[in-house]
Amino acid sequence: MRITILPKTSLARWSVWLAVAWILFFVLFMVAAESGFAKDSGLGRVLDTYILGSKCQVIDIAGLIPTTGMSAASFVTGLISMIKSKERSILVFLVMIVGLLILFSAARQVLAWCQGRA
């Protein structure tokens, strides 16, 4: 089996495009966090006052869920394409490594948040 740079199967292409979408959402949430969108919105004030206690946590949680979901989906589709379709693409390997690191980071962040709440 030959190792290529670009993916050949449709599942591997999905994996790469999900990684691209993850990057776009990550940039979107970073821009929203820096622009002060969460602290100026009514939802940010309600969550800050009654639920979370910090505006930074509002952006963290709002950004954590979709970006972690996309990275998990990217990792899983890449893994399935490697096992089922014998995909051996460098881009899919990179996407899977990054997706796994993001999942570990998100789990660490959730555990730290839960530990701080106890």
N, C-alpha and C. Protein backbone atom coordinates (compact mmCIF):
# COMPACT_ATOMS: atom_id res chain seq x y z
N MET A 1 0.85 -1.18 0.00
CA MET A 1 0.00 0.00 0.00
C MET A 1 0.89 1.24 0.00
N ARG A 2 0.58 2.14 -0.86
CA ARG A 2 1.35 3.37 -1.02
C ARG A 2 0.84 4.47 -0.10
N ILE A 3 1.76 5.20 0.50
CA ILE A 3 1.38 6.32 1.35
C ILE A 3 1.34 7.59 0.49
N THR A 4 0.20 8.29 0.53
CA THR A 4 0.04 9.52 -0.24
C THR A 4 -0.16 10.69 0.70
N ILE A 5 -0.15 11.88 0.15
CA ILE A 5 -0.38 13.08 0.97
C ILE A 5 -1.87 13.35 1.10
N LEU A 6 -2.59 13.35 0.00
CA LEU A 6 -4.02 13.64 0.00
C LEU A 6 -4.82 12.35 0.17
N PRO A 7 -5.98 12.43 0.85
CA PRO A 7 -6.79 11.22 1.04
C PRO A 7 -7.48 10.79 -0.25
N LYS A 8 -7.72 9.49 -0.35
CA LYS A 8 -8.34 8.92 -1.55
C LYS A 8 -9.79 8.51 -1.33
N THR A 9 -10.15 8.12 -0.12
CA THR A 9 -11.51 7.65 0.14
C THR A 9 -12.40 8.79 0.62
N SER A 10 -13.71 8.57 0.51
CA SER A 10 -14.65 9.63 0.91
C SER A 10 -14.64 9.85 2.42
N LEU A 11 -14.50 8.80 3.21
CA LEU A 11 -14.44 8.97 4.66
C LEU A 11 -13.20 9.77 5.08
N ALA A 12 -12.10 9.53 4.42
CA ALA A 12 -10.89 10.27 4.74
C ALA A 12 -11.03 11.74 4.35
N ARG A 13 -11.68 12.00 3.23
CA ARG A 13 -11.94 13.39 2.85
C ARG A 13 -12.84 14.07 3.86
N TRP A 14 -13.87 13.36 4.35
CA TRP A 14 -14.74 13.90 5.40
C TRP A 14 -13.92 14.24 6.64
N SER A 15 -13.00 13.38 6.98
CA SER A 15 -12.17 13.61 8.15
C SER A 15 -11.36 14.89 8.01
N VAL A 16 -10.79 15.10 6.85
CA VAL A 16 -9.99 16.30 6.62
C VAL A 16 -10.87 17.55 6.62
N TRP A 17 -12.04 17.48 6.00
CA TRP A 17 -12.93 18.64 5.97
C TRP A 17 -13.50 18.96 7.35
N LEU A 18 -13.72 17.95 8.16
CA LEU A 18 -14.15 18.21 9.54
C LEU A 18 -13.03 18.91 10.32
N ALA A 19 -11.80 18.55 10.04
CA ALA A 19 -10.67 19.23 10.69
C ALA A 19 -10.60 20.69 10.24
N VAL A 20 -10.87 20.95 8.98
CA VAL A 20 -10.88 22.33 8.48
C VAL A 20 -12.01 23.11 9.16
N ALA A 21 -13.18 22.48 9.30
CA ALA A 21 -14.31 23.13 9.99
C ALA A 21 -13.96 23.39 11.45
N TRP A 22 -13.23 22.47 12.07
CA TRP A 22 -12.81 22.68 13.45
C TRP A 22 -11.92 23.92 13.55
N ILE A 23 -11.01 24.08 12.63
CA ILE A 23 -10.12 25.24 12.64
C ILE A 23 -10.93 26.53 12.50
N LEU A 24 -11.91 26.53 11.59
CA LEU A 24 -12.74 27.72 11.40
C LEU A 24 -13.55 28.05 12.65
N PHE A 25 -14.15 27.05 13.29
CA PHE A 25 -14.90 27.30 14.53
C PHE A 25 -13.99 27.77 15.65
N PHE A 26 -12.80 27.20 15.73
CA PHE A 26 -11.85 27.61 16.76
C PHE A 26 -11.49 29.08 16.58
N VAL A 27 -11.21 29.49 15.36
CA VAL A 27 -10.89 30.89 15.09
C VAL A 27 -12.10 31.78 15.40
N LEU A 28 -13.29 31.33 15.03
CA LEU A 28 -14.51 32.09 15.30
C LEU A 28 -14.70 32.32 16.80
N PHE A 29 -14.53 31.30 17.60
CA PHE A 29 -14.71 31.44 19.04
C PHE A 29 -13.60 32.26 19.68
N MET A 30 -12.40 32.19 19.15
CA MET A 30 -11.32 33.03 19.67
C MET A 30 -11.59 34.50 19.37
N VAL A 31 -12.09 34.79 18.18
CA VAL A 31 -12.43 36.17 17.83
C VAL A 31 -13.58 36.66 18.71
N ALA A 32 -14.58 35.79 18.95
CA ALA A 32 -15.70 36.17 19.80
C ALA A 32 -15.23 36.42 21.23
N ALA A 33 -14.31 35.63 21.71
CA ALA A 33 -13.81 35.81 23.07
C ALA A 33 -13.01 37.10 23.20
N GLU A 34 -12.22 37.42 22.20
CA GLU A 34 -11.40 38.63 22.25
C GLU A 34 -12.21 39.90 22.01
N SER A 35 -13.31 39.78 21.28
CA SER A 35 -14.10 40.98 20.97
C SER A 35 -15.04 41.36 22.11
N GLY A 36 -15.19 40.49 23.09
CA GLY A 36 -16.07 40.79 24.20
C GLY A 36 -17.52 40.47 23.91
N PHE A 37 -17.78 39.61 22.94
CA PHE A 37 -19.15 39.27 22.56
C PHE A 37 -19.92 38.66 23.73
N ALA A 38 -19.29 37.78 24.49
CA ALA A 38 -20.01 37.08 25.57
C ALA A 38 -20.36 38.02 26.70
N LYS A 39 -19.49 38.94 27.03
CA LYS A 39 -19.80 39.79 28.18
C LYS A 39 -20.79 40.89 27.83
N ASP A 40 -20.96 41.21 26.54
CA ASP A 40 -21.91 42.24 26.15
C ASP A 40 -23.30 41.69 25.89
N SER A 41 -23.43 40.39 25.71
CA SER A 41 -24.75 39.83 25.40
C SER A 41 -25.53 39.57 26.68
N GLY A 42 -26.83 39.54 26.56
CA GLY A 42 -27.68 39.26 27.70
C GLY A 42 -27.48 37.85 28.22
N LEU A 43 -27.26 36.90 27.30
CA LEU A 43 -27.03 35.52 27.70
C LEU A 43 -25.77 35.40 28.53
N GLY A 44 -24.74 36.13 28.14
CA GLY A 44 -23.50 36.11 28.91
C GLY A 44 -23.71 36.63 30.32
N ARG A 45 -24.52 37.68 30.47
CA ARG A 45 -24.78 38.22 31.80
C ARG A 45 -25.60 37.25 32.65
N VAL A 46 -26.60 36.59 32.03
CA VAL A 46 -27.42 35.64 32.77
C VAL A 46 -26.58 34.45 33.22
N LEU A 47 -25.80 33.89 32.31
CA LEU A 47 -24.95 32.75 32.68
C LEU A 47 -23.92 33.16 33.71
N ASP A 48 -23.40 34.35 33.57
CA ASP A 48 -22.40 34.83 34.53
C ASP A 48 -23.01 34.98 35.91
N THR A 49 -24.17 35.57 35.99
CA THR A 49 -24.79 35.88 37.27
C THR A 49 -25.32 34.64 37.97
N TYR A 50 -26.00 33.78 37.23
CA TYR A 50 -26.76 32.72 37.88
C TYR A 50 -26.12 31.33 37.81
N ILE A 51 -25.29 31.06 36.82
CA ILE A 51 -24.85 29.68 36.64
C ILE A 51 -23.34 29.51 36.84
N LEU A 52 -22.55 30.19 36.05
CA LEU A 52 -21.14 29.85 35.99
C LEU A 52 -20.24 30.69 36.88
N GLY A 53 -20.49 31.95 36.96
CA GLY A 53 -19.67 32.79 37.81
C GLY A 53 -18.53 33.47 37.09
N SER A 54 -18.35 33.21 35.82
CA SER A 54 -17.26 33.85 35.08
C SER A 54 -17.60 33.89 33.59
N LYS A 55 -17.36 35.05 32.98
CA LYS A 55 -17.63 35.18 31.55
C LYS A 55 -16.66 34.37 30.72
N CYS A 56 -15.46 34.18 31.20
CA CYS A 56 -14.49 33.37 30.46
C CYS A 56 -14.99 31.94 30.34
N GLN A 57 -15.64 31.44 31.38
CA GLN A 57 -16.16 30.07 31.32
C GLN A 57 -17.30 29.94 30.32
N VAL A 58 -18.07 31.01 30.11
CA VAL A 58 -19.15 30.97 29.13
C VAL A 58 -18.57 30.72 27.75
N ILE A 59 -17.55 31.46 27.37
CA ILE A 59 -16.92 31.26 26.06
C ILE A 59 -16.22 29.92 26.01
N ASP A 60 -15.58 29.51 27.10
CA ASP A 60 -14.91 28.22 27.10
C ASP A 60 -15.89 27.09 26.85
N ILE A 61 -17.02 27.10 27.54
CA ILE A 61 -17.99 26.01 27.38
C ILE A 61 -18.69 26.11 26.03
N ALA A 62 -19.03 27.32 25.61
CA ALA A 62 -19.69 27.48 24.31
C ALA A 62 -18.77 27.08 23.16
N GLY A 63 -17.49 27.29 23.32
CA GLY A 63 -16.54 26.90 22.28
C GLY A 63 -16.08 25.47 22.40
N LEU A 64 -16.12 24.93 23.61
CA LEU A 64 -15.62 23.58 23.84
C LEU A 64 -16.51 22.52 23.20
N ILE A 65 -17.80 22.70 23.27
CA ILE A 65 -18.71 21.65 22.81
C ILE A 65 -18.64 21.43 21.29
N PRO A 66 -18.83 22.46 20.45
CA PRO A 66 -18.79 22.17 19.01
C PRO A 66 -17.39 21.84 18.49
N THR A 67 -16.38 22.48 19.03
CA THR A 67 -15.03 22.20 18.53
C THR A 67 -14.57 20.80 18.94
N THR A 68 -14.90 20.39 20.14
CA THR A 68 -14.55 19.03 20.56
C THR A 68 -15.34 18.01 19.77
N GLY A 69 -16.60 18.30 19.51
CA GLY A 69 -17.40 17.40 18.69
C GLY A 69 -16.85 17.23 17.30
N MET A 70 -16.42 18.33 16.71
CA MET A 70 -15.84 18.24 15.36
C MET A 70 -14.52 17.50 15.35
N SER A 71 -13.69 17.75 16.35
CA SER A 71 -12.40 17.04 16.39
C SER A 71 -12.63 15.56 16.66
N ALA A 72 -13.61 15.21 17.50
CA ALA A 72 -13.91 13.81 17.74
C ALA A 72 -14.45 13.14 16.47
N ALA A 73 -15.33 13.84 15.77
CA ALA A 73 -15.86 13.29 14.52
C ALA A 73 -14.76 13.12 13.48
N SER A 74 -13.85 14.07 13.43
CA SER A 74 -12.73 13.98 12.51
C SER A 74 -11.83 12.80 12.85
N PHE A 75 -11.57 12.63 14.14
CA PHE A 75 -10.73 11.50 14.58
C PHE A 75 -11.39 10.17 14.27
N VAL A 76 -12.68 10.05 14.56
CA VAL A 76 -13.39 8.78 14.36
C VAL A 76 -13.50 8.46 12.87
N THR A 77 -13.85 9.44 12.04
CA THR A 77 -13.95 9.15 10.60
C THR A 77 -12.58 8.80 10.01
N GLY A 78 -11.53 9.45 10.50
CA GLY A 78 -10.19 9.09 10.05
C GLY A 78 -9.82 7.68 10.46
N LEU A 79 -10.16 7.31 11.68
CA LEU A 79 -9.88 5.97 12.17
C LEU A 79 -10.65 4.91 11.39
N ILE A 80 -11.92 5.19 11.13
CA ILE A 80 -12.73 4.24 10.35
C ILE A 80 -12.19 4.11 8.94
N SER A 81 -11.79 5.22 8.33
CA SER A 81 -11.25 5.14 6.97
C SER A 81 -9.93 4.37 6.94
N MET A 82 -9.14 4.48 8.00
CA MET A 82 -7.89 3.72 8.05
C MET A 82 -8.15 2.22 8.22
N ILE A 83 -9.11 1.88 9.06
CA ILE A 83 -9.38 0.46 9.33
C ILE A 83 -10.18 -0.18 8.20
N LYS A 84 -11.28 0.46 7.81
CA LYS A 84 -12.20 -0.14 6.85
C LYS A 84 -11.69 -0.04 5.41
N SER A 85 -11.22 1.16 5.04
CA SER A 85 -10.86 1.40 3.64
C SER A 85 -9.36 1.34 3.40
N LYS A 86 -8.58 1.04 4.43
CA LYS A 86 -7.12 0.96 4.32
C LYS A 86 -6.51 2.26 3.81
N GLU A 87 -7.01 3.37 4.29
CA GLU A 87 -6.50 4.69 3.91
C GLU A 87 -5.15 4.93 4.55
N ARG A 88 -4.18 5.35 3.76
CA ARG A 88 -2.85 5.63 4.26
C ARG A 88 -2.39 7.00 3.75
N SER A 89 -3.05 8.02 4.23
CA SER A 89 -2.76 9.38 3.81
C SER A 89 -2.09 10.14 4.95
N ILE A 90 -1.09 10.92 4.61
CA ILE A 90 -0.38 11.72 5.62
C ILE A 90 -1.33 12.72 6.26
N LEU A 91 -2.21 13.34 5.48
CA LEU A 91 -3.15 14.30 6.02
C LEU A 91 -4.11 13.65 7.03
N VAL A 92 -4.54 12.44 6.76
CA VAL A 92 -5.44 11.75 7.68
C VAL A 92 -4.69 11.40 8.97
N PHE A 93 -3.43 10.98 8.85
CA PHE A 93 -2.63 10.72 10.05
C PHE A 93 -2.51 11.98 10.91
N LEU A 94 -2.22 13.11 10.28
CA LEU A 94 -2.09 14.37 11.01
C LEU A 94 -3.41 14.78 11.67
N VAL A 95 -4.50 14.64 10.92
CA VAL A 95 -5.82 15.00 11.45
C VAL A 95 -6.16 14.12 12.65
N MET A 96 -5.82 12.85 12.58
CA MET A 96 -6.11 11.95 13.69
C MET A 96 -5.27 12.29 14.92
N ILE A 97 -4.03 12.62 14.72
CA ILE A 97 -3.16 13.00 15.85
C ILE A 97 -3.67 14.27 16.51
N VAL A 98 -3.99 15.28 15.70
CA VAL A 98 -4.50 16.54 16.24
C VAL A 98 -5.85 16.33 16.93
N GLY A 99 -6.73 15.53 16.32
CA GLY A 99 -8.03 15.25 16.93
C GLY A 99 -7.90 14.55 18.27
N LEU A 100 -6.98 13.61 18.37
CA LEU A 100 -6.76 12.92 19.63
C LEU A 100 -6.21 13.86 20.69
N LEU A 101 -5.29 14.73 20.30
CA LEU A 101 -4.75 15.71 21.25
C LEU A 101 -5.83 16.68 21.74
N ILE A 102 -6.72 17.08 20.84
CA ILE A 102 -7.81 17.98 21.22
C ILE A 102 -8.77 17.28 22.18
N LEU A 103 -9.05 16.01 21.93
CA LEU A 103 -9.93 15.26 22.83
C LEU A 103 -9.31 15.15 24.22
N PHE A 104 -8.02 14.87 24.29
CA PHE A 104 -7.34 14.82 25.59
C PHE A 104 -7.37 16.18 26.28
N SER A 105 -7.15 17.24 25.52
CA SER A 105 -7.16 18.58 26.09
C SER A 105 -8.56 18.96 26.59
N ALA A 106 -9.58 18.61 25.84
CA ALA A 106 -10.95 18.91 26.26
C ALA A 106 -11.32 18.13 27.51
N ALA A 107 -10.91 16.87 27.57
CA ALA A 107 -11.18 16.07 28.76
C ALA A 107 -10.47 16.65 29.98
N ARG A 108 -9.24 17.11 29.78
CA ARG A 108 -8.49 17.72 30.87
C ARG A 108 -9.17 19.01 31.33
N GLN A 109 -9.68 19.80 30.39
CA GLN A 109 -10.35 21.05 30.73
C GLN A 109 -11.65 20.80 31.47
N VAL A 110 -12.42 19.80 31.06
CA VAL A 110 -13.67 19.48 31.73
C VAL A 110 -13.39 18.97 33.14
N LEU A 111 -12.39 18.11 33.28
CA LEU A 111 -12.05 17.60 34.61
C LEU A 111 -11.58 18.71 35.53
N ALA A 112 -10.79 19.64 35.01
CA ALA A 112 -10.33 20.76 35.82
C ALA A 112 -11.51 21.65 36.22
N TRP A 113 -12.45 21.86 35.31
CA TRP A 113 -13.61 22.68 35.62
C TRP A 113 -14.48 22.01 36.68
N CYS A 114 -14.68 20.68 36.53
CA CYS A 114 -15.48 19.95 37.53
C CYS A 114 -14.79 19.93 38.88
N GLN A 115 -13.51 19.82 38.89
CA GLN A 115 -12.77 19.81 40.15
C GLN A 115 -12.85 21.17 40.84
N GLY A 116 -12.84 22.25 40.06
CA GLY A 116 -12.95 23.58 40.62
C GLY A 116 -14.33 23.88 41.17
N ARG A 117 -15.35 23.21 40.63
CA ARG A 117 -16.74 23.42 41.08
C ARG A 117 -17.03 22.67 42.37
N ALA A 118 -16.27 21.63 42.68
CA ALA A 118 -16.56 20.79 43.85
C ALA A 118 -16.17 21.47 45.16
